Amino acid sequence: MRTMASDGDIRVLLALDLLLSAAFASGVVWGLDFIGVLAFTPRNVGVTTLVLALVTYLVVLR
């Protein structure tokens, strides 16, 4: 029996990475806003999303 292995389309992996990073970043920034450490703004969520996505990419996909 022959099996085929595929790493998948990198665009799909990057899109999922950004989507999940955005969801997690929203929760983190909301929690930090709740305790008064960081304001919940689109800019803070966006920057946190990009940082999380970059770290995930470097650790998992490279």
Protein backbone atom coordinates (compact mmCIF):
# COMPACT_ATOMS: atom_id res chain seq x y z
CA MET A 1 0.00 0.00 0.00
CA ARG A 2 1.34 3.40 -0.97
CA THR A 3 0.72 6.47 1.18
CA MET A 4 1.15 10.06 0.12
CA ALA A 5 2.55 12.62 2.52
CA SER A 6 1.91 16.31 2.08
CA ASP A 7 3.06 19.29 4.08
CA GLY A 8 0.07 21.27 2.88
CA ASP A 9 -0.17 24.63 1.22
CA ILE A 10 1.95 27.22 3.04
CA ARG A 11 -0.68 29.90 2.36
CA VAL A 12 -3.28 27.92 4.27
CA LEU A 13 -0.87 27.37 7.14
CA LEU A 14 -0.02 31.08 7.29
CA ALA A 15 -3.69 32.08 7.15
CA LEU A 16 -4.54 29.71 10.00
CA ASP A 17 -1.54 30.96 11.94
CA LEU A 18 -2.73 34.56 11.59
CA LEU A 19 -6.33 33.68 12.43
CA LEU A 20 -5.44 31.72 15.55
CA SER A 21 -2.83 34.27 16.60
CA ALA A 22 -5.42 37.03 16.27
CA ALA A 23 -7.91 35.12 18.42
CA PHE A 24 -5.29 34.42 21.08
CA ALA A 25 -3.93 37.98 20.94
CA SER A 26 -7.43 39.38 21.43
CA GLY A 27 -7.83 37.30 24.56
CA VAL A 28 -4.41 38.25 25.89
CA VAL A 29 -4.85 41.98 25.25
CA TRP A 30 -8.38 41.88 26.70
CA GLY A 31 -7.02 40.20 29.84
CA LEU A 32 -4.23 42.76 30.14
CA ASP A 33 -6.80 45.54 29.68
CA PHE A 34 -8.99 43.94 32.35
CA ILE A 35 -6.17 44.10 34.90
CA GLY A 36 -5.12 47.57 33.75
CA VAL A 37 -1.76 46.78 32.16
CA LEU A 38 -2.47 47.46 28.46
CA ALA A 39 -5.31 49.19 26.62
CA PHE A 40 -7.52 47.08 24.36
CA THR A 41 -7.07 48.86 21.02
CA PRO A 42 -6.94 47.54 17.46
CA ARG A 43 -3.28 48.59 17.25
CA ASN A 44 -2.32 46.62 20.38
CA VAL A 45 -4.22 43.56 19.16
CA GLY A 46 -2.62 43.86 15.71
CA VAL A 47 0.92 44.18 17.05
CA THR A 48 0.39 41.28 19.46
CA THR A 49 -1.06 39.20 16.61
CA LEU A 50 1.96 39.84 14.40
CA VAL A 51 4.40 39.04 17.20
CA LEU A 52 2.60 35.78 18.02
CA ALA A 53 2.35 34.80 14.34
CA LEU A 54 6.05 35.50 13.80
CA VAL A 55 7.09 33.49 16.87
CA THR A 56 4.82 30.62 15.81
CA TYR A 57 6.23 30.68 12.27
CA LEU A 58 9.83 30.66 13.49
CA VAL A 59 9.29 27.90 16.04
CA VAL A 60 6.92 25.58 14.17
CA LEU A 61 7.20 26.09 10.44
CA ARG A 62 10.95 26.57 10.06
